[in-house]
PDB file of N, CA and C in Angstrom:
ATOM      1  N   MET A   1      62.271 120.118 129.818  1.00  0.00           N
ATOM      2  CA  MET A   1      63.343 120.114 129.562  1.00  0.00           C
ATOM      3  C   MET A   1      64.002 120.548 127.955  1.00  0.00           C
ATOM      4  N   GLY A   2      64.491 120.825 127.682  1.00  0.00           N
ATOM      5  CA  GLY A   2      64.764 120.823 126.338  1.00  0.00           C
ATOM      6  C   GLY A   2      66.816 121.061 125.891  1.00  0.00           C
ATOM      7  N   ALA A   3      66.757 119.984 124.977  1.00  0.00           N
ATOM      8  CA  ALA A   3      68.033 119.877 124.936  1.00  0.00           C
ATOM      9  C   ALA A   3      68.932 120.752 124.007  1.00  0.00           C
ATOM     10  N   VAL A   4      70.130 121.214 124.283  1.00  0.00           N
ATOM     11  CA  VAL A   4      70.330 122.316 123.774  1.00  0.00           C
ATOM     12  C   VAL A   4      71.974 121.941 122.806  1.00  0.00           C
ATOM     13  N   THR A   5      72.125 121.480 121.732  1.00  0.00           N
ATOM     14  CA  THR A   5      73.229 121.286 120.953  1.00  0.00           C
ATOM     15  C   THR A   5      74.305 122.016 120.264  1.00  0.00           C
ATOM     16  N   TYR A   6      73.884 123.441 119.982  1.00  0.00           N
ATOM     17  CA  TYR A   6      74.901 124.313 119.617  1.00  0.00           C
ATOM     18  C   TYR A   6      75.727 123.806 118.715  1.00  0.00           C
ATOM     19  N   GLY A   7      74.725 123.373 117.733  1.00  0.00           N
ATOM     20  CA  GLY A   7      76.010 123.052 116.705  1.00  0.00           C
ATOM     21  C   GLY A   7      76.522 121.921 116.741  1.00  0.00           C
ATOM     22  N   ALA A   8      76.257 120.864 117.898  1.00  0.00           N
ATOM     23  CA  ALA A   8      77.088 119.508 117.662  1.00  0.00           C
ATOM     24  C   ALA A   8      76.617 119.006 116.730  1.00  0.00           C
ATOM     25  N   ALA A   9      75.643 118.728 115.879  1.00  0.00           N
ATOM     26  CA  ALA A   9      75.201 117.674 115.108  1.00  0.00           C
ATOM     27  C   ALA A   9      75.898 118.291 113.438  1.00  0.00           C
ATOM     28  N   ARG A  10      76.382 119.547 113.450  1.00  0.00           N
ATOM     29  CA  ARG A  10      76.767 120.023 112.271  1.00  0.00           C
ATOM     30  C   ARG A  10      78.712 119.691 112.709  1.00  0.00           C
ATOM     31  N   SER A  11      79.518 120.236 113.581  1.00  0.00           N
ATOM     32  CA  SER A  11      80.778 119.448 113.921  1.00  0.00           C
ATOM     33  C   SER A  11      80.603 118.054 113.946  1.00  0.00           C
ATOM     34  N   SER A  12      80.087 117.536 114.419  1.00  0.00           N
ATOM     35  CA  SER A  12      80.432 116.331 114.286  1.00  0.00           C
ATOM     36  C   SER A  12      80.520 115.180 112.707  1.00  0.00           C
ATOM     37  N   ALA A  13      79.291 116.131 111.885  1.00  0.00           N
ATOM     38  CA  ALA A  13      79.699 115.919 110.416  1.00  0.00           C
ATOM     39  C   ALA A  13      80.747 116.182 109.875  1.00  0.00           C
ATOM     40  N   ASN A  14      81.561 116.958 110.248  1.00  0.00           N
ATOM     41  CA  ASN A  14      82.406 117.694 109.596  1.00  0.00           C
ATOM     42  C   ASN A  14      83.602 116.677 109.839  1.00  0.00           C
ATOM     43  N   ALA A  15      83.530 116.299 111.121  1.00  0.00           N
ATOM     44  CA  ALA A  15      84.765 115.821 112.362  1.00  0.00           C
ATOM     45  C   ALA A  15      84.961 114.108 111.698  1.00  0.00           C
ATOM     46  N   LYS A  16      83.610 113.723 110.855  1.00  0.00           N
ATOM     47  CA  LYS A  16      83.373 112.638 109.870  1.00  0.00           C
ATOM     48  C   LYS A  16      83.842 112.727 108.651  1.00  0.00           C
ATOM     49  N   GLY A  17      84.194 113.526 108.291  1.00  0.00           N
ATOM     50  CA  GLY A  17      84.297 113.518 106.908  1.00  0.00           C
ATOM     51  C   GLY A  17      85.902 113.774 107.373  1.00  0.00           C
ATOM     52  N   ARG A  18      86.355 114.792 107.550  1.00  0.00           N
ATOM     53  CA  ARG A  18      87.825 114.761 107.929  1.00  0.00           C
ATOM     54  C   ARG A  18      88.411 113.559 108.312  1.00  0.00           C
ATOM     55  N   SER A  19      87.966 112.976 109.650  1.00  0.00           N
ATOM     56  CA  SER A  19      88.669 111.753 109.630  1.00  0.00           C
ATOM     57  C   SER A  19      88.848 110.035 108.361  1.00  0.00           C
ATOM     58  N   ARG A  20      87.405 110.643 107.441  1.00  0.00           N
ATOM     59  CA  ARG A  20      87.376 109.481 106.088  1.00  0.00           C
ATOM     60  C   ARG A  20      88.565 110.322 105.787  1.00  0.00           C
ATOM     61  N   ALA A  21      88.506 111.591 105.002  1.00  0.00           N
ATOM     62  CA  ALA A  21      89.717 111.691 104.376  1.00  0.00           C
ATOM     63  C   ALA A  21      90.908 111.633 104.526  1.00  0.00           C
ATOM     64  N   ALA A  22      91.032 111.215 106.272  1.00  0.00           N
ATOM     65  CA  ALA A  22      92.017 111.365 106.924  1.00  0.00           C
ATOM     66  C   ALA A  22      92.898 110.186 106.265  1.00  0.00           C
ATOM     67  N   ALA A  23      91.867 108.994 106.994  1.00  0.00           N
ATOM     68  CA  ALA A  23      92.272 107.536 106.863  1.00  0.00           C
ATOM     69  C   ALA A  23      92.581 107.359 105.009  1.00  0.00           C
ATOM     70  N   ARG A  24      91.886 107.955 104.438  1.00  0.00           N
ATOM     71  CA  ARG A  24      92.039 107.344 102.991  1.00  0.00           C
ATOM     72  C   ARG A  24      93.628 108.143 102.460  1.00  0.00           C
ATOM     73  N   ARG A  25      93.887 109.087 103.293  1.00  0.00           N
ATOM     74  CA  ARG A  25      95.319 109.638 102.684  1.00  0.00           C
ATOM     75  C   ARG A  25      96.385 109.008 103.399  1.00  0.00           C
ATOM     76  N   LYS A  26      97.842 109.001 102.798  1.00  0.00           N
ATOM     77  CA  LYS A  26      99.079 108.032 103.699  1.00  0.00           C
ATOM     78  C   LYS A  26      99.416 109.036 104.543  1.00  0.00           C
ATOM     79  N   ASN A  27      99.987 108.416 105.119  1.00  0.00           N
ATOM     80  CA  ASN A  27     100.563 108.950 106.029  1.00  0.00           C
ATOM     81  C   ASN A  27     102.207 109.681 105.866  1.00  0.00           C
ATOM     82  N   LEU A  28     102.582 111.377 105.697  1.00  0.00           N
ATOM     83  CA  LEU A  28     103.999 111.737 105.095  1.00  0.00           C
ATOM     84  C   LEU A  28     105.142 110.864 105.093  1.00  0.00           C
ATOM     85  N   PHE A  29     105.501 109.891 106.244  1.00  0.00           N
ATOM     86  CA  PHE A  29     106.659 109.691 106.194  1.00  0.00           C
ATOM     87  C   PHE A  29     106.396 108.183 105.474  1.00  0.00           C
ATOM     88  N   VAL A  30     104.967 108.015 105.274  1.00  0.00           N
ATOM     89  CA  VAL A  30     104.877 106.855 104.746  1.00  0.00           C
ATOM     90  C   VAL A  30     104.943 106.951 102.802  1.00  0.00           C
ATOM     91  N   ARG A  31     104.584 107.977 102.673  1.00  0.00           N
ATOM     92  CA  ARG A  31     104.165 108.530 101.250  1.00  0.00           C
ATOM     93  C   ARG A  31     105.561 109.318 101.102  1.00  0.00           C
ATOM     94  N   PHE A  32     106.832 109.305 102.103  1.00  0.00           N
ATOM     95  CA  PHE A  32     107.850 109.617 101.924  1.00  0.00           C
ATOM     96  C   PHE A  32     108.675 108.193 101.878  1.00  0.00           C
ATOM     97  N   LEU A  33     108.433 107.303 102.182  1.00  0.00           N
ATOM     98  CA  LEU A  33     109.538 105.792 102.171  1.00  0.00           C
ATOM     99  C   LEU A  33     108.665 105.415 100.911  1.00  0.00           C
ATOM    100  N   ASP A  34     107.447 105.563 100.512  1.00  0.00           N
ATOM    101  CA  ASP A  34     107.109 105.307  98.606  1.00  0.00           C
ATOM    102  C   ASP A  34     107.842 105.583  97.687  1.00  0.00           C
ATOM    103  N   ALA A  35     108.131 107.160  97.996  1.00  0.00           N
ATOM    104  CA  ALA A  35     108.790 107.781  97.346  1.00  0.00           C
ATOM    105  C   ALA A  35     110.396 107.194  96.803  1.00  0.00           C
ATOM    106  N   VAL A  36     111.136 107.239  98.150  1.00  0.00           N
ATOM    107  CA  VAL A  36     112.561 106.686  98.100  1.00  0.00           C
ATOM    108  C   VAL A  36     112.187 105.359  97.530  1.00  0.00           C
ATOM    109  N   ALA A  37     111.496 104.236  98.072  1.00  0.00           N
ATOM    110  CA  ALA A  37     111.636 102.863  97.838  1.00  0.00           C
ATOM    111  C   ALA A  37     111.189 103.443  95.604  1.00  0.00           C
ATOM    112  N   GLU A  38     110.834 103.749  95.615  1.00  0.00           N
ATOM    113  CA  GLU A  38     110.163 104.537  94.001  1.00  0.00           C
ATOM    114  C   GLU A  38     110.970 104.434  93.058  1.00  0.00           C
ATOM    115  N   SER A  39     112.312 105.592  93.415  1.00  0.00           N
ATOM    116  CA  SER A  39     113.284 106.035  93.620  1.00  0.00           C
ATOM    117  C   SER A  39     114.713 105.149  92.844  1.00  0.00           C
ATOM    118  N   ARG A  40     114.571 104.182  94.088  1.00  0.00           N
ATOM    119  CA  ARG A  40     115.297 103.072  93.911  1.00  0.00           C
ATOM    120  C   ARG A  40     115.250 102.199  92.732  1.00  0.00           C
ATOM    121  N   MET A  41     113.775 102.005  92.606  1.00  0.00           N
ATOM    122  CA  MET A  41     113.630 100.968  91.635  1.00  0.00           C
ATOM    123  C   MET A  41     114.093 101.681  90.614  1.00  0.00           C
ATOM    124  N   GLN A  42     113.733 103.015  90.433  1.00  0.00           N
ATOM    125  CA  GLN A  42     114.109 103.495  88.845  1.00  0.00           C
ATOM    126  C   GLN A  42     115.586 103.072  88.674  1.00  0.00           C
ATOM    127  N   GLN A  43     115.763 103.263  89.819  1.00  0.00           N
ATOM    128  CA  GLN A  43     117.633 103.936  89.853  1.00  0.00           C
ATOM    129  C   GLN A  43     118.266 102.193  89.413  1.00  0.00           C
ATOM    130  N   VAL A  44     117.701 101.290  89.814  1.00  0.00           N
ATOM    131  CA  VAL A  44     117.668  99.769  89.644  1.00  0.00           C
ATOM    132  C   VAL A  44     117.600  99.850  88.014  1.00  0.00           C
ATOM    133  N   HIS A  45     116.649 100.276  87.522  1.00  0.00           N
ATOM    134  CA  HIS A  45     116.229 100.013  85.825  1.00  0.00           C
ATOM    135  C   HIS A  45     116.931 100.443  85.310  1.00  0.00           C
ATOM    136  N   ARG A  46     118.139 101.835  85.522  1.00  0.00           N
ATOM    137  CA  ARG A  46     118.674 102.719  84.814  1.00  0.00           C
ATOM    138  C   ARG A  46     120.020 101.705  85.037  1.00  0.00           C
ATOM    139  N   GLU A  47     120.479 101.162  86.122  1.00  0.00           N
ATOM    140  CA  GLU A  47     121.937  99.996  86.064  1.00  0.00           C
ATOM    141  C   GLU A  47     121.678  99.065  85.054  1.00  0.00           C
ATOM    142  N   ILE A  48     120.494  98.468  85.260  1.00  0.00           N
ATOM    143  CA  ILE A  48     120.046  97.299  84.359  1.00  0.00           C
ATOM    144  C   ILE A  48     120.515  97.762  83.370  1.00  0.00           C
ATOM    145  N   THR A  49     119.850  98.751  82.408  1.00  0.00           N
ATOM    146  CA  THR A  49     120.191  99.125  81.232  1.00  0.00           C
ATOM    147  C   THR A  49     121.633  99.559  81.002  1.00  0.00           C
ATOM    148  N   ARG A  50     121.952 100.289  81.898  1.00  0.00           N
ATOM    149  CA  ARG A  50     123.488 100.634  81.474  1.00  0.00           C
ATOM    150  C   ARG A  50     124.219  99.744  81.201  1.00  0.00           C
ATOM    151  N   HIS A  51     124.198  98.550  81.965  1.00  0.00           N
ATOM    152  CA  HIS A  51     124.831  97.403  81.564  1.00  0.00           C
ATOM    153  C   HIS A  51     124.404  95.696  81.218  1.00  0.00           C
ATOM    154  N   ALA A  52     123.240  96.596  80.320  1.00  0.00           N
ATOM    155  CA  ALA A  52     122.583  95.048  79.770  1.00  0.00           C
ATOM    156  C   ALA A  52     123.441  94.760  79.074  1.00  0.00           C
ATOM    157  N   TYR A  53     124.732  95.385  78.194  1.00  0.00           N
ATOM    158  CA  TYR A  53     125.340  94.849  77.009  1.00  0.00           C
ATOM    159  C   TYR A  53     126.133  93.526  77.570  1.00  0.00           C
ATOM    160  N   LEU A  54     126.595  92.971  78.621  1.00  0.00           N
ATOM    161  CA  LEU A  54     126.943  92.013  79.729  1.00  0.00           C
ATOM    162  C   LEU A  54     125.861  90.491  80.034  1.00  0.00           C
ATOM    163  N   LEU A  55     124.802  90.860  79.709  1.00  0.00           N
ATOM    164  CA  LEU A  55     124.108  90.094  80.119  1.00  0.00           C
ATOM    165  C   LEU A  55     123.759  89.084  78.947  1.00  0.00           C
ATOM    166  N   PRO A  56     123.418  87.483  78.839  1.00  0.00           N
ATOM    167  CA  PRO A  56     123.438  87.072  77.529  1.00  0.00           C
ATOM    168  C   PRO A  56     121.665  87.250  76.842  1.00  0.00           C
ATOM    169  N   PRO A  57     122.071  87.316  75.671  1.00  0.00           N
ATOM    170  CA  PRO A  57     121.171  87.621  74.971  1.00  0.00           C
ATOM    171  C   PRO A  57     119.409  87.309  75.496  1.00  0.00           C
ATOM    172  N   ALA A  58     119.123  86.345  75.683  1.00  0.00           N
ATOM    173  CA  ALA A  58     117.971  85.933  76.725  1.00  0.00           C
ATOM    174  C   ALA A  58     117.334  86.947  77.867  1.00  0.00           C
ATOM    175  N   GLU A  59     118.923  86.914  78.961  1.00  0.00           N
ATOM    176  CA  GLU A  59     118.602  87.766  80.079  1.00  0.00           C
ATOM    177  C   GLU A  59     118.100  89.109  79.852  1.00  0.00           C
ATOM    178  N   ARG A  60     118.708  89.611  78.485  1.00  0.00           N
ATOM    179  CA  ARG A  60     118.804  91.028  77.835  1.00  0.00           C
ATOM    180  C   ARG A  60     117.540  91.103  77.806  1.00  0.00           C
ATOM    181  N   ALA A  61     116.743  90.463  76.462  1.00  0.00           N
ATOM    182  CA  ALA A  61     115.134  90.487  76.103  1.00  0.00           C
ATOM    183  C   ALA A  61     114.444  90.818  77.138  1.00  0.00           C
ATOM    184  N   ARG A  62     114.946  89.881  78.395  1.00  0.00           N
ATOM    185  CA  ARG A  62     113.564  89.948  79.233  1.00  0.00           C
ATOM    186  C   ARG A  62     113.818  91.337  80.523  1.00  0.00           C
ATOM    187  N   TRP A  63     114.986  91.398  80.592  1.00  0.00           N
ATOM    188  CA  TRP A  63     115.195  92.562  81.413  1.00  0.00           C
ATOM    189  C   TRP A  63     114.578  94.095  80.761  1.00  0.00           C
ATOM    190  N   LEU A  64     114.947  93.873  79.258  1.00  0.00           N
ATOM    191  CA  LEU A  64     115.171  95.540  78.895  1.00  0.00           C
ATOM    192  C   LEU A  64     113.112  95.463  78.217  1.00  0.00           C
ATOM    193  N   SER A  65     112.756  94.673  78.519  1.00  0.00           N
ATOM    194  CA  SER A  65     111.051  94.833  78.292  1.00  0.00           C
ATOM    195  C   SER A  65     110.374  95.585  78.676  1.00  0.00           C
TER     196      SER A  65
END
């Protein structure tokens, strides 16, 4: 008796390649949350820069560098 695979070796190799690529890429929801967090951090830095004149000189130098 012979074993007939009908290309199973090829398809499993492709599936492994796709699963590795998918494992490296972040989930859409995680990427969205990362983008929201980055956006909020940028907004915080803009607000600190906008109100920096209210900070003492030592703190101002630390925040604006």
